[in-house]
Amino acid sequence: MVSWRSDFNRRDVVRALATTIFAFSLLVWLYVVLIQVTHPEWLADPFSHVNYFPFNWRLDEVGMIAFALAAIGFFTWQTMKCTKSR
């Protein structure tokens, strides 16, 4: 009988996580860009109605963080993809 641990591959998990972080962060960043183009006065508003950290961040701050996470996720995803092909 094969256990689930024998099929566990850390590189596959990191690659899947990096791809997910890249995709969702890019979507959040695009959302903030659309808000910036259509309603620039909303950028100073909080991202959520909840008034405690980290949900009370401004919309422009969330956009900057999402862009940075998308870059990190893309870099990690490409690195994991390149190391698998060797």
PDB file of N, CA and C in Angstrom:
ATOM      1  N   MET A   1       0.841  -1.176   0.000  1.00  0.00           N
ATOM      2  CA  MET A   1       0.000   0.000   0.000  1.00  0.00           C
ATOM      3  C   MET A   1       0.888   1.241   0.000  1.00  0.00           C
ATOM      4  N   VAL A   2       0.547   2.181  -0.832  1.00  0.00           N
ATOM      5  CA  VAL A   2       1.320   3.409  -0.963  1.00  0.00           C
ATOM      6  C   VAL A   2       0.672   4.491  -0.111  1.00  0.00           C
ATOM      7  N   SER A   3       1.486   5.137   0.718  1.00  0.00           N
ATOM      8  CA  SER A   3       0.942   6.201   1.539  1.00  0.00           C
ATOM      9  C   SER A   3       0.981   7.525   0.771  1.00  0.00           C
ATOM     10  N   TRP A   4       0.258   8.485   1.258  1.00  0.00           N
ATOM     11  CA  TRP A   4       0.233   9.795   0.601  1.00  0.00           C
ATOM     12  C   TRP A   4       1.561  10.502   0.719  1.00  0.00           C
ATOM     13  N   ARG A   5       2.361  10.138   1.712  1.00  0.00           N
ATOM     14  CA  ARG A   5       3.657  10.783   1.897  1.00  0.00           C
ATOM     15  C   ARG A   5       4.648  10.380   0.809  1.00  0.00           C
ATOM     16  N   SER A   6       4.505   9.207   0.245  1.00  0.00           N
ATOM     17  CA  SER A   6       5.440   8.802  -0.795  1.00  0.00           C
ATOM     18  C   SER A   6       5.206   9.589  -2.088  1.00  0.00           C
ATOM     19  N   ASP A   7       3.999  10.085  -2.290  1.00  0.00           N
ATOM     20  CA  ASP A   7       3.700  10.873  -3.482  1.00  0.00           C
ATOM     21  C   ASP A   7       3.908  12.367  -3.269  1.00  0.00           C
ATOM     22  N   PHE A   8       4.227  12.751  -2.038  1.00  0.00           N
ATOM     23  CA  PHE A   8       4.391  14.164  -1.700  1.00  0.00           C
ATOM     24  C   PHE A   8       5.697  14.682  -2.284  1.00  0.00           C
ATOM     25  N   ASN A   9       5.598  15.713  -3.091  1.00  0.00           N
ATOM     26  CA  ASN A   9       6.777  16.321  -3.680  1.00  0.00           C
ATOM     27  C   ASN A   9       6.759  17.814  -3.337  1.00  0.00           C
ATOM     28  N   ARG A  10       7.738  18.240  -2.600  1.00  0.00           N
ATOM     29  CA  ARG A  10       7.773  19.627  -2.127  1.00  0.00           C
ATOM     30  C   ARG A  10       7.833  20.623  -3.282  1.00  0.00           C
ATOM     31  N   ARG A  11       8.560  20.293  -4.340  1.00  0.00           N
ATOM     32  CA  ARG A  11       8.662  21.201  -5.489  1.00  0.00           C
ATOM     33  C   ARG A  11       7.314  21.419  -6.156  1.00  0.00           C
ATOM     34  N   ASP A  12       6.518  20.370  -6.267  1.00  0.00           N
ATOM     35  CA  ASP A  12       5.198  20.518  -6.877  1.00  0.00           C
ATOM     36  C   ASP A  12       4.289  21.406  -6.033  1.00  0.00           C
ATOM     37  N   VAL A  13       4.402  21.277  -4.716  1.00  0.00           N
ATOM     38  CA  VAL A  13       3.580  22.101  -3.822  1.00  0.00           C
ATOM     39  C   VAL A  13       4.015  23.559  -3.913  1.00  0.00           C
ATOM     40  N   VAL A  14       5.321  23.820  -3.907  1.00  0.00           N
ATOM     41  CA  VAL A  14       5.817  25.192  -4.004  1.00  0.00           C
ATOM     42  C   VAL A  14       5.435  25.796  -5.355  1.00  0.00           C
ATOM     43  N   ARG A  15       5.531  25.008  -6.413  1.00  0.00           N
ATOM     44  CA  ARG A  15       5.163  25.514  -7.737  1.00  0.00           C
ATOM     45  C   ARG A  15       3.679  25.847  -7.809  1.00  0.00           C
ATOM     46  N   ALA A  16       2.834  24.987  -7.256  1.00  0.00           N
ATOM     47  CA  ALA A  16       1.390  25.256  -7.248  1.00  0.00           C
ATOM     48  C   ALA A  16       1.063  26.482  -6.394  1.00  0.00           C
ATOM     49  N   LEU A  17       1.716  26.602  -5.256  1.00  0.00           N
ATOM     50  CA  LEU A  17       1.497  27.765  -4.390  1.00  0.00           C
ATOM     51  C   LEU A  17       1.962  29.050  -5.064  1.00  0.00           C
ATOM     52  N   ALA A  18       3.112  29.010  -5.715  1.00  0.00           N
ATOM     53  CA  ALA A  18       3.632  30.191  -6.400  1.00  0.00           C
ATOM     54  C   ALA A  18       2.725  30.602  -7.559  1.00  0.00           C
ATOM     55  N   THR A  19       2.210  29.634  -8.295  1.00  0.00           N
ATOM     56  CA  THR A  19       1.300  29.937  -9.394  1.00  0.00           C
ATOM     57  C   THR A  19       0.007  30.565  -8.880  1.00  0.00           C
ATOM     58  N   THR A  20      -0.504  30.048  -7.771  1.00  0.00           N
ATOM     59  CA  THR A  20      -1.728  30.591  -7.175  1.00  0.00           C
ATOM     60  C   THR A  20      -1.508  32.007  -6.665  1.00  0.00           C
ATOM     61  N   ILE A  21      -0.397  32.235  -5.986  1.00  0.00           N
ATOM     62  CA  ILE A  21      -0.080  33.581  -5.488  1.00  0.00           C
ATOM     63  C   ILE A  21       0.068  34.547  -6.653  1.00  0.00           C
ATOM     64  N   PHE A  22       0.746  34.124  -7.703  1.00  0.00           N
ATOM     65  CA  PHE A  22       0.919  34.981  -8.872  1.00  0.00           C
ATOM     66  C   PHE A  22      -0.426  35.341  -9.500  1.00  0.00           C
ATOM     67  N   ALA A  23      -1.271  34.346  -9.720  1.00  0.00           N
ATOM     68  CA  ALA A  23      -2.542  34.585 -10.409  1.00  0.00           C
ATOM     69  C   ALA A  23      -3.470  35.495  -9.593  1.00  0.00           C
ATOM     70  N   PHE A  24      -3.658  35.175  -8.332  1.00  0.00           N
ATOM     71  CA  PHE A  24      -4.593  35.965  -7.527  1.00  0.00           C
ATOM     72  C   PHE A  24      -4.047  37.355  -7.209  1.00  0.00           C
ATOM     73  N   SER A  25      -2.753  37.486  -6.997  1.00  0.00           N
ATOM     74  CA  SER A  25      -2.177  38.813  -6.765  1.00  0.00           C
ATOM     75  C   SER A  25      -2.284  39.676  -8.007  1.00  0.00           C
ATOM     76  N   LEU A  26      -2.086  39.075  -9.165  1.00  0.00           N
ATOM     77  CA  LEU A  26      -2.224  39.830 -10.405  1.00  0.00           C
ATOM     78  C   LEU A  26      -3.668  40.291 -10.608  1.00  0.00           C
ATOM     79  N   LEU A  27      -4.630  39.451 -10.247  1.00  0.00           N
ATOM     80  CA  LEU A  27      -6.038  39.846 -10.357  1.00  0.00           C
ATOM     81  C   LEU A  27      -6.370  40.999  -9.409  1.00  0.00           C
ATOM     82  N   VAL A  28      -5.856  40.949  -8.187  1.00  0.00           N
ATOM     83  CA  VAL A  28      -6.092  42.048  -7.243  1.00  0.00           C
ATOM     84  C   VAL A  28      -5.436  43.326  -7.757  1.00  0.00           C
ATOM     85  N   TRP A  29      -4.230  43.225  -8.289  1.00  0.00           N
ATOM     86  CA  TRP A  29      -3.552  44.399  -8.810  1.00  0.00           C
ATOM     87  C   TRP A  29      -4.327  44.992  -9.988  1.00  0.00           C
ATOM     88  N   LEU A  30      -4.834  44.143 -10.883  1.00  0.00           N
ATOM     89  CA  LEU A  30      -5.633  44.639 -12.003  1.00  0.00           C
ATOM     90  C   LEU A  30      -6.918  45.298 -11.527  1.00  0.00           C
ATOM     91  N   TYR A  31      -7.519  44.770 -10.475  1.00  0.00           N
ATOM     92  CA  TYR A  31      -8.699  45.392  -9.878  1.00  0.00           C
ATOM     93  C   TYR A  31      -8.376  46.800  -9.385  1.00  0.00           C
ATOM     94  N   VAL A  32      -7.253  46.951  -8.710  1.00  0.00           N
ATOM     95  CA  VAL A  32      -6.850  48.262  -8.197  1.00  0.00           C
ATOM     96  C   VAL A  32      -6.544  49.209  -9.360  1.00  0.00           C
ATOM     97  N   VAL A  33      -5.934  48.718 -10.419  1.00  0.00           N
ATOM     98  CA  VAL A  33      -5.657  49.560 -11.585  1.00  0.00           C
ATOM     99  C   VAL A  33      -6.959  50.027 -12.221  1.00  0.00           C
ATOM    100  N   LEU A  34      -7.935  49.148 -12.338  1.00  0.00           N
ATOM    101  CA  LEU A  34      -9.232  49.549 -12.889  1.00  0.00           C
ATOM    102  C   LEU A  34      -9.915  50.597 -12.021  1.00  0.00           C
ATOM    103  N   ILE A  35      -9.817  50.433 -10.702  1.00  0.00           N
ATOM    104  CA  ILE A  35     -10.369  51.436  -9.791  1.00  0.00           C
ATOM    105  C   ILE A  35      -9.641  52.763  -9.976  1.00  0.00           C
ATOM    106  N   GLN A  36      -8.323  52.704 -10.142  1.00  0.00           N
ATOM    107  CA  GLN A  36      -7.536  53.923 -10.315  1.00  0.00           C
ATOM    108  C   GLN A  36      -7.934  54.657 -11.592  1.00  0.00           C
ATOM    109  N   VAL A  37      -8.246  53.925 -12.643  1.00  0.00           N
ATOM    110  CA  VAL A  37      -8.622  54.548 -13.906  1.00  0.00           C
ATOM    111  C   VAL A  37     -10.047  55.092 -13.843  1.00  0.00           C
ATOM    112  N   THR A  38     -10.956  54.327 -13.259  1.00  0.00           N
ATOM    113  CA  THR A  38     -12.367  54.717 -13.289  1.00  0.00           C
ATOM    114  C   THR A  38     -12.774  55.625 -12.130  1.00  0.00           C
ATOM    115  N   HIS A  39     -12.278  55.368 -10.932  1.00  0.00           N
ATOM    116  CA  HIS A  39     -12.653  56.141  -9.741  1.00  0.00           C
ATOM    117  C   HIS A  39     -11.416  56.429  -8.888  1.00  0.00           C
ATOM    118  N   PRO A  40     -10.558  57.342  -9.295  1.00  0.00           N
ATOM    119  CA  PRO A  40      -9.316  57.584  -8.544  1.00  0.00           C
ATOM    120  C   PRO A  40      -9.544  58.093  -7.121  1.00  0.00           C
ATOM    121  N   GLU A  41     -10.689  58.657  -6.848  1.00  0.00           N
ATOM    122  CA  GLU A  41     -10.946  59.159  -5.489  1.00  0.00           C
ATOM    123  C   GLU A  41     -11.143  58.013  -4.492  1.00  0.00           C
ATOM    124  N   TRP A  42     -11.355  56.806  -4.962  1.00  0.00           N
ATOM    125  CA  TRP A  42     -11.544  55.648  -4.082  1.00  0.00           C
ATOM    126  C   TRP A  42     -10.227  55.085  -3.549  1.00  0.00           C
ATOM    127  N   LEU A  43      -9.092  55.496  -4.080  1.00  0.00           N
ATOM    128  CA  LEU A  43      -7.807  54.900  -3.694  1.00  0.00           C
ATOM    129  C   LEU A  43      -7.475  55.120  -2.224  1.00  0.00           C
ATOM    130  N   ALA A  44      -7.944  56.194  -1.647  1.00  0.00           N
ATOM    131  CA  ALA A  44      -7.668  56.463  -0.230  1.00  0.00           C
ATOM    132  C   ALA A  44      -8.622  55.717   0.699  1.00  0.00           C
ATOM    133  N   ASP A  45      -9.637  55.075   0.156  1.00  0.00           N
ATOM    134  CA  ASP A  45     -10.599  54.334   0.971  1.00  0.00           C
ATOM    135  C   ASP A  45     -10.012  53.002   1.415  1.00  0.00           C
ATOM    136  N   PRO A  46     -10.505  52.465   2.536  1.00  0.00           N
ATOM    137  CA  PRO A  46     -10.015  51.149   2.969  1.00  0.00           C
ATOM    138  C   PRO A  46     -10.483  50.052   2.019  1.00  0.00           C
ATOM    139  N   PHE A  47      -9.706  48.991   1.963  1.00  0.00           N
ATOM    140  CA  PHE A  47     -10.019  47.865   1.073  1.00  0.00           C
ATOM    141  C   PHE A  47     -11.255  47.112   1.542  1.00  0.00           C
ATOM    142  N   SER A  48     -11.529  47.159   2.836  1.00  0.00           N
ATOM    143  CA  SER A  48     -12.664  46.443   3.410  1.00  0.00           C
ATOM    144  C   SER A  48     -13.356  47.341   4.436  1.00  0.00           C
ATOM    145  N   HIS A  49     -14.560  46.968   4.793  1.00  0.00           N
ATOM    146  CA  HIS A  49     -15.289  47.716   5.820  1.00  0.00           C
ATOM    147  C   HIS A  49     -14.848  47.350   7.230  1.00  0.00           C
ATOM    148  N   VAL A  50     -14.099  46.267   7.373  1.00  0.00           N
ATOM    149  CA  VAL A  50     -13.608  45.833   8.682  1.00  0.00           C
ATOM    150  C   VAL A  50     -12.518  46.800   9.127  1.00  0.00           C
ATOM    151  N   ASN A  51     -12.584  47.242  10.383  1.00  0.00           N
ATOM    152  CA  ASN A  51     -11.708  48.319  10.825  1.00  0.00           C
ATOM    153  C   ASN A  51     -10.573  47.837  11.734  1.00  0.00           C
ATOM    154  N   TYR A  52      -9.914  46.744  11.373  1.00  0.00           N
ATOM    155  CA  TYR A  52      -8.724  46.324  12.104  1.00  0.00           C
ATOM    156  C   TYR A  52      -7.723  45.707  11.128  1.00  0.00           C
ATOM    157  N   PHE A  53      -6.457  45.742  11.549  1.00  0.00           N
ATOM    158  CA  PHE A  53      -5.346  45.283  10.720  1.00  0.00           C
ATOM    159  C   PHE A  53      -5.518  43.816  10.349  1.00  0.00           C
ATOM    160  N   PRO A  54      -5.245  43.397   9.168  1.00  0.00           N
ATOM    161  CA  PRO A  54      -4.774  44.058   7.955  1.00  0.00           C
ATOM    162  C   PRO A  54      -5.903  44.470   7.017  1.00  0.00           C
ATOM    163  N   PHE A  55      -7.135  44.412   7.462  1.00  0.00           N
ATOM    164  CA  PHE A  55      -8.256  44.691   6.575  1.00  0.00           C
ATOM    165  C   PHE A  55      -8.527  46.174   6.397  1.00  0.00           C
ATOM    166  N   ASN A  56      -7.886  47.015   7.184  1.00  0.00           N
ATOM    167  CA  ASN A  56      -8.120  48.451   7.063  1.00  0.00           C
ATOM    168  C   ASN A  56      -7.073  49.144   6.201  1.00  0.00           C
ATOM    169  N   TRP A  57      -6.316  48.391   5.401  1.00  0.00           N
ATOM    170  CA  TRP A  57      -5.346  48.987   4.493  1.00  0.00           C
ATOM    171  C   TRP A  57      -6.062  49.774   3.408  1.00  0.00           C
ATOM    172  N   ARG A  58      -5.409  50.820   2.925  1.00  0.00           N
ATOM    173  CA  ARG A  58      -5.969  51.605   1.825  1.00  0.00           C
ATOM    174  C   ARG A  58      -5.892  50.803   0.531  1.00  0.00           C
ATOM    175  N   LEU A  59      -6.728  51.162  -0.408  1.00  0.00           N
ATOM    176  CA  LEU A  59      -6.790  50.428  -1.676  1.00  0.00           C
ATOM    177  C   LEU A  59      -5.481  50.533  -2.459  1.00  0.00           C
ATOM    178  N   ASP A  60      -4.838  51.689  -2.436  1.00  0.00           N
ATOM    179  CA  ASP A  60      -3.570  51.821  -3.152  1.00  0.00           C
ATOM    180  C   ASP A  60      -2.457  50.997  -2.500  1.00  0.00           C
ATOM    181  N   GLU A  61      -2.488  50.847  -1.175  1.00  0.00           N
ATOM    182  CA  GLU A  61      -1.510  49.994  -0.487  1.00  0.00           C
ATOM    183  C   GLU A  61      -1.707  48.532  -0.861  1.00  0.00           C
ATOM    184  N   VAL A  62      -2.949  48.119  -0.951  1.00  0.00           N
ATOM    185  CA  VAL A  62      -3.246  46.735  -1.346  1.00  0.00           C
ATOM    186  C   VAL A  62      -2.749  46.480  -2.765  1.00  0.00           C
ATOM    187  N   GLY A  63      -2.881  47.463  -3.637  1.00  0.00           N
ATOM    188  CA  GLY A  63      -2.384  47.318  -5.001  1.00  0.00           C
ATOM    189  C   GLY A  63      -0.877  47.152  -5.057  1.00  0.00           C
ATOM    190  N   MET A  64      -0.154  47.929  -4.236  1.00  0.00           N
ATOM    191  CA  MET A  64       1.310  47.808  -4.214  1.00  0.00           C
ATOM    192  C   MET A  64       1.745  46.444  -3.670  1.00  0.00           C
ATOM    193  N   ILE A  65       1.079  45.982  -2.616  1.00  0.00           N
ATOM    194  CA  ILE A  65       1.414  44.681  -2.034  1.00  0.00           C
ATOM    195  C   ILE A  65       1.085  43.560  -3.019  1.00  0.00           C
ATOM    196  N   ALA A  66      -0.050  43.670  -3.703  1.00  0.00           N
ATOM    197  CA  ALA A  66      -0.437  42.647  -4.677  1.00  0.00           C
ATOM    198  C   ALA A  66       0.560  42.594  -5.828  1.00  0.00           C
ATOM    199  N   PHE A  67       1.035  43.744  -6.276  1.00  0.00           N
ATOM    200  CA  PHE A  67       2.018  43.755  -7.351  1.00  0.00           C
ATOM    201  C   PHE A  67       3.313  43.085  -6.917  1.00  0.00           C
ATOM    202  N   ALA A  68       3.761  43.372  -5.693  1.00  0.00           N
ATOM    203  CA  ALA A  68       4.985  42.747  -5.180  1.00  0.00           C
ATOM    204  C   ALA A  68       4.808  41.239  -5.025  1.00  0.00           C
ATOM    205  N   LEU A  69       3.658  40.806  -4.511  1.00  0.00           N
ATOM    206  CA  LEU A  69       3.402  39.370  -4.374  1.00  0.00           C
ATOM    207  C   LEU A  69       3.313  38.682  -5.726  1.00  0.00           C
ATOM    208  N   ALA A  70       2.740  39.361  -6.719  1.00  0.00           N
ATOM    209  CA  ALA A  70       2.677  38.777  -8.059  1.00  0.00           C
ATOM    210  C   ALA A  70       4.083  38.593  -8.631  1.00  0.00           C
ATOM    211  N   ALA A  71       4.955  39.563  -8.411  1.00  0.00           N
ATOM    212  CA  ALA A  71       6.332  39.435  -8.897  1.00  0.00           C
ATOM    213  C   ALA A  71       7.062  38.292  -8.197  1.00  0.00           C
ATOM    214  N   ILE A  72       6.887  38.187  -6.890  1.00  0.00           N
ATOM    215  CA  ILE A  72       7.536  37.101  -6.130  1.00  0.00           C
ATOM    216  C   ILE A  72       6.976  35.749  -6.558  1.00  0.00           C
ATOM    217  N   GLY A  73       5.659  35.661  -6.704  1.00  0.00           N
ATOM    218  CA  GLY A  73       5.044  34.411  -7.140  1.00  0.00           C
ATOM    219  C   GLY A  73       5.493  34.005  -8.528  1.00  0.00           C
ATOM    220  N   PHE A  74       5.582  34.971  -9.448  1.00  0.00           N
ATOM    221  CA  PHE A  74       6.030  34.668 -10.806  1.00  0.00           C
ATOM    222  C   PHE A  74       7.475  34.206 -10.812  1.00  0.00           C
ATOM    223  N   PHE A  75       8.340  34.881 -10.056  1.00  0.00           N
ATOM    224  CA  PHE A  75       9.752  34.498  -9.983  1.00  0.00           C
ATOM    225  C   PHE A  75       9.899  33.085  -9.417  1.00  0.00           C
ATOM    226  N   THR A  76       9.180  32.794  -8.346  1.00  0.00           N
ATOM    227  CA  THR A  76       9.251  31.459  -7.735  1.00  0.00           C
ATOM    228  C   THR A  76       8.724  30.403  -8.681  1.00  0.00           C
ATOM    229  N   TRP A  77       7.628  30.685  -9.345  1.00  0.00           N
ATOM    230  CA  TRP A  77       7.031  29.749 -10.291  1.00  0.00           C
ATOM    231  C   TRP A  77       8.002  29.448 -11.434  1.00  0.00           C
ATOM    232  N   GLN A  78       8.631  30.482 -11.997  1.00  0.00           N
ATOM    233  CA  GLN A  78       9.585  30.277 -13.082  1.00  0.00           C
ATOM    234  C   GLN A  78      10.828  29.535 -12.606  1.00  0.00           C
ATOM    235  N   THR A  79      11.267  29.826 -11.395  1.00  0.00           N
ATOM    236  CA  THR A  79      12.433  29.131 -10.852  1.00  0.00           C
ATOM    237  C   THR A  79      12.134  27.640 -10.666  1.00  0.00           C
ATOM    238  N   MET A  80      10.958  27.337 -10.123  1.00  0.00           N
ATOM    239  CA  MET A  80      10.590  25.932  -9.926  1.00  0.00           C
ATOM    240  C   MET A  80      10.393  25.227 -11.271  1.00  0.00           C
ATOM    241  N   LYS A  81       9.895  25.943 -12.254  1.00  0.00           N
ATOM    242  CA  LYS A  81       9.696  25.339 -13.571  1.00  0.00           C
ATOM    243  C   LYS A  81      11.036  25.031 -14.231  1.00  0.00           C
ATOM    244  N   CYS A  82      11.995  25.938 -14.065  1.00  0.00           N
ATOM    245  CA  CYS A  82      13.315  25.731 -14.672  1.00  0.00           C
ATOM    246  C   CYS A  82      14.100  24.621 -13.989  1.00  0.00           C
ATOM    247  N   THR A  83      13.968  24.480 -12.664  1.00  0.00           N
ATOM    248  CA  THR A  83      14.718  23.447 -11.970  1.00  0.00           C
ATOM    249  C   THR A  83      14.145  22.067 -12.251  1.00  0.00           C
ATOM    250  N   LYS A  84      12.874  21.968 -12.584  1.00  0.00           N
ATOM    251  CA  LYS A  84      12.277  20.664 -12.877  1.00  0.00           C
ATOM    252  C   LYS A  84      12.732  20.147 -14.234  1.00  0.00           C
ATOM    253  N   SER A  85      12.963  21.045 -15.189  1.00  0.00           N
ATOM    254  CA  SER A  85      13.329  20.616 -16.529  1.00  0.00           C
ATOM    255  C   SER A  85      14.769  20.145 -16.637  1.00  0.00           C
ATOM    256  N   ARG A  86      15.587  20.396 -15.624  1.00  0.00           N
ATOM    257  CA  ARG A  86      17.002  19.984 -15.674  1.00  0.00           C
ATOM    258  C   ARG A  86      17.195  18.558 -15.360  1.00  0.00           C
TER     259      ARG A  86
END
